[in-house]
Amino acid sequence: MNTAVDSDLIWRTLGTIPDPEFGLSIVDLGLVYSVETNGHDIGVTMTFTSPGCPAGGMILEGTRTALAALPGAQEVRVEVVWEPPWTPERLTPEGRAHLGWQEPPPAE
C-alpha cells in the first residue's frame, strides 16, 4: 500500500537537518515557515538567517534530499522566501536554550 506522506513525519525529518553555523536544526532555528502535503507531494516554505547565508545551498539541498527519501514522497518543492524576514524571535525554546538565551531577544 502506497500511503500519503504524513506532515508530522515531515516536521520530524526537518528537525534532523542541521544548520552548520549554529549547530541547531532548521526547525529549532525557526527557518521553516510552513509544510504542506498533497497526497504524496511535499511543499516546504522556509528562509535563511540572511540572504547571504553561506550554508544556504547546503541546507536547501539537505532539505530536498531528506524529504525525497521519505516513504511515499514523490514531488518535493522547497521554496525559499525572504518575507517575512527571519528574526531571532523565531527560535524555538530548545533553540534559545542551546544558544544560552533564556528568553526571546528584544524586538528591534
Protein backbone atom coordinates (compact mmCIF):
# COMPACT_ATOMS: atom_id res chain seq x y z
CA MET A 1 0.00 0.00 0.00
CA ASN A 2 1.36 3.39 -1.03
CA THR A 3 0.20 5.85 1.64
CA ALA A 4 0.39 9.62 1.61
CA VAL A 5 3.25 11.39 3.36
CA ASP A 6 2.44 12.38 6.95
CA SER A 7 3.09 16.03 7.91
CA ASP A 8 4.30 15.00 11.39
CA LEU A 9 6.96 12.83 9.76
CA ILE A 10 7.96 15.75 7.55
CA TRP A 11 8.39 18.04 10.60
CA ARG A 12 10.38 15.34 12.44
CA THR A 13 12.60 14.91 9.40
CA LEU A 14 13.15 18.66 9.09
CA GLY A 15 14.09 18.62 12.78
CA THR A 16 17.08 16.42 11.91
CA ILE A 17 18.53 18.80 9.33
CA PRO A 18 21.26 20.92 10.90
CA ASP A 19 22.27 24.49 10.27
CA PRO A 20 26.05 24.04 10.44
CA GLU A 21 26.71 27.61 11.58
CA PHE A 22 24.51 27.45 14.68
CA GLY A 23 24.54 23.74 15.49
CA LEU A 24 20.74 23.71 15.59
CA SER A 25 18.15 22.03 13.42
CA ILE A 26 16.47 24.23 10.84
CA VAL A 27 13.23 23.78 12.83
CA ASP A 28 14.75 24.91 16.16
CA LEU A 29 16.38 27.83 14.37
CA GLY A 30 12.96 28.85 13.04
CA LEU A 31 13.85 28.64 9.37
CA VAL A 32 10.82 26.55 8.38
CA TYR A 33 7.69 28.65 7.89
CA SER A 34 5.25 26.02 6.64
CA VAL A 35 4.80 22.43 5.50
CA GLU A 36 2.11 21.34 3.07
CA THR A 37 1.22 17.92 1.79
CA ASN A 38 -0.97 16.90 -1.08
CA GLY A 39 -1.06 13.13 -1.12
CA HIS A 40 2.50 12.17 -2.00
CA ASP A 41 3.70 15.69 -2.78
CA ILE A 42 5.52 17.82 -0.20
CA GLY A 43 5.83 21.58 -0.12
CA VAL A 44 8.02 23.45 2.36
CA THR A 45 8.36 27.20 2.69
CA MET A 46 11.48 28.30 4.51
CA THR A 47 14.06 31.03 4.81
CA PHE A 48 17.63 31.52 5.95
CA THR A 49 19.02 33.79 8.63
CA SER A 50 20.17 36.17 5.88
CA PRO A 51 20.13 36.33 2.07
CA GLY A 52 23.91 35.83 2.08
CA CYS A 53 23.80 32.76 4.33
CA PRO A 54 26.95 30.81 3.41
CA ALA A 55 25.33 27.49 4.31
CA GLY A 56 22.10 28.20 2.40
CA GLY A 57 22.84 25.94 -0.55
CA MET A 58 23.88 23.07 1.67
CA ILE A 59 20.78 23.44 3.87
CA LEU A 60 18.48 23.64 0.84
CA GLU A 61 19.98 20.55 -0.78
CA GLY A 62 19.94 18.65 2.52
CA THR A 63 16.26 19.53 2.97
CA ARG A 64 15.31 18.36 -0.51
CA THR A 65 17.31 15.15 -0.17
CA ALA A 66 15.89 14.26 3.27
CA LEU A 67 12.29 14.87 2.19
CA ALA A 68 12.66 12.99 -1.10
CA ALA A 69 13.84 9.95 0.88
CA LEU A 70 10.63 9.78 2.93
CA PRO A 71 8.42 6.75 2.25
CA GLY A 72 5.72 7.71 -0.24
CA ALA A 73 7.28 11.05 -1.21
CA GLN A 74 7.02 11.97 -4.86
CA GLU A 75 7.35 15.64 -5.76
CA VAL A 76 9.28 17.75 -3.23
CA ARG A 77 9.11 21.52 -3.51
CA VAL A 78 11.21 23.69 -1.19
CA GLU A 79 10.63 27.41 -1.60
CA VAL A 80 12.99 29.92 -0.01
CA VAL A 81 11.34 33.24 0.84
CA TRP A 82 12.63 36.47 2.36
CA GLU A 83 9.31 37.85 3.61
CA PRO A 84 8.78 37.75 6.45
CA PRO A 85 12.48 38.01 7.24
CA TRP A 86 13.99 35.66 9.79
CA THR A 87 14.47 37.12 13.26
CA PRO A 88 15.78 35.54 16.49
CA GLU A 89 12.20 35.53 17.83
CA ARG A 90 11.60 32.53 15.55
CA LEU A 91 13.90 30.32 17.63
CA THR A 92 12.14 27.52 19.48
CA PRO A 93 12.59 27.30 23.27
CA GLU A 94 15.05 24.45 22.61
CA GLY A 95 16.96 26.63 20.17
CA ARG A 96 17.14 29.51 22.65
CA ALA A 97 18.36 27.17 25.37
CA HIS A 98 21.03 25.73 23.04
CA LEU A 99 22.30 29.24 22.36
CA GLY A 100 22.14 30.17 26.04
CA TRP A 101 19.18 32.54 25.65
CA GLN A 102 16.58 32.08 28.35
CA GLU A 103 14.06 34.49 26.85
CA PRO A 104 13.46 35.69 23.32
CA PRO A 105 15.71 38.60 22.41
CA PRO A 106 14.03 42.02 22.39
CA ALA A 107 12.49 43.11 19.10
CA GLU A 108 14.33 45.85 17.31
